Protein backbone atom coordinates (compact mmCIF):
# COMPACT_ATOMS: atom_id res chain seq x y z
CA MET A 1 -18.83 59.36 10.51
CA ASN A 2 -17.20 56.72 8.30
CA SER A 3 -18.61 55.68 4.95
CA ALA A 4 -19.99 52.18 4.46
CA LYS A 5 -16.82 51.24 2.55
CA GLU A 6 -14.60 52.46 5.40
CA GLU A 7 -16.70 50.51 7.92
CA TYR A 8 -16.43 47.39 5.75
CA GLU A 9 -12.65 47.79 5.47
CA ASP A 10 -12.37 48.28 9.26
CA TRP A 11 -14.47 45.16 9.87
CA HIS A 12 -12.22 43.02 7.66
CA SER A 13 -9.11 44.53 9.27
CA ALA A 14 -10.17 43.17 12.65
CA LEU A 15 -10.73 39.58 11.47
CA GLU A 16 -8.44 36.73 10.48
CA VAL A 17 -8.80 34.48 7.44
CA ASP A 18 -11.18 31.56 8.06
CA ASN A 19 -8.81 28.92 6.64
CA SER A 20 -10.98 26.10 7.94
CA ALA A 21 -13.99 27.42 5.97
CA ASP A 22 -16.31 26.02 8.63
CA SER A 23 -18.95 28.75 8.83
CA PRO A 24 -22.50 27.51 8.18
CA TRP A 25 -22.41 29.07 4.70
CA HIS A 26 -19.10 27.39 3.82
CA LEU A 27 -20.25 24.02 5.18
CA MET A 28 -23.38 24.19 3.02
CA LEU A 29 -21.31 25.00 -0.08
CA ARG A 30 -18.79 22.27 0.68
CA SER A 31 -21.56 19.67 0.94
CA ALA A 32 -23.01 20.75 -2.43
CA LEU A 33 -19.74 20.64 -4.38
CA PRO A 34 -18.67 17.64 -6.40
CA GLU A 35 -15.64 15.80 -5.01
CA ASP A 36 -13.60 16.36 -8.17
CA LEU A 37 -13.23 20.00 -9.22
CA SER A 38 -10.05 19.48 -11.21
CA GLU A 39 -11.68 20.26 -14.58
CA LEU A 40 -13.84 23.16 -13.35
CA SER A 41 -13.25 26.91 -13.33
CA ILE A 42 -14.76 28.67 -10.30
CA LEU A 43 -15.64 32.34 -9.87
CA GLU A 44 -16.31 33.46 -6.31
CA ILE A 45 -17.82 36.92 -5.94
CA GLY A 46 -17.66 38.27 -2.40
CA CYS A 47 -14.75 36.09 -1.30
CA GLY A 48 -14.09 38.11 1.84
CA ARG A 49 -10.72 37.21 3.34
CA GLY A 50 -10.31 34.15 1.11
CA GLY A 51 -10.97 31.33 3.55
CA PHE A 52 -13.15 29.33 1.18
CA ALA A 53 -10.71 29.81 -1.70
CA ALA A 54 -7.88 28.57 0.55
CA TRP A 55 -9.94 25.54 1.60
CA ILE A 56 -10.75 24.65 -2.02
CA ASN A 57 -7.09 24.97 -2.98
CA ARG A 58 -6.04 22.60 -0.17
CA HIS A 59 -8.83 20.01 -0.37
CA ARG A 60 -10.45 20.04 -3.82
CA PRO A 61 -8.22 21.96 -6.24
CA SER A 62 -9.96 23.29 -9.32
CA LYS A 63 -8.61 23.99 -12.79
CA ARG A 64 -8.93 27.73 -12.15
CA TYR A 65 -10.22 29.71 -9.19
CA VAL A 66 -10.90 33.45 -9.39
CA ALA A 67 -12.10 35.29 -6.29
CA ALA A 68 -13.08 38.94 -5.87
CA ASP A 69 -14.34 41.19 -3.10
CA PHE A 70 -15.31 44.84 -2.66
CA SER A 71 -12.85 45.16 0.25
CA GLU A 72 -9.23 45.83 -0.60
CA VAL A 73 -8.28 44.81 2.95
CA ALA A 74 -10.05 41.46 2.56
CA VAL A 75 -8.41 40.74 -0.79
CA GLY A 76 -5.04 41.64 0.72
CA LYS A 77 -5.58 39.07 3.47
CA ALA A 78 -6.73 36.50 0.94
């Protein structure tokens, strides 16, 4: 039996990065963000495979963006 961490790593291994950041959660966040993030620093905890961070970088770049996740596989994909 695998540990929870191993299961989480396996789950991330099987998925691609959501570059469009169009999950319901991401859409809700996108609608709540100001249009101009250029002077803001953002910390994203639980970034998964980095899809939202990639979307922000392409569409509304911020001054600084730091993202972290428990999964080494996810961070590697990000």
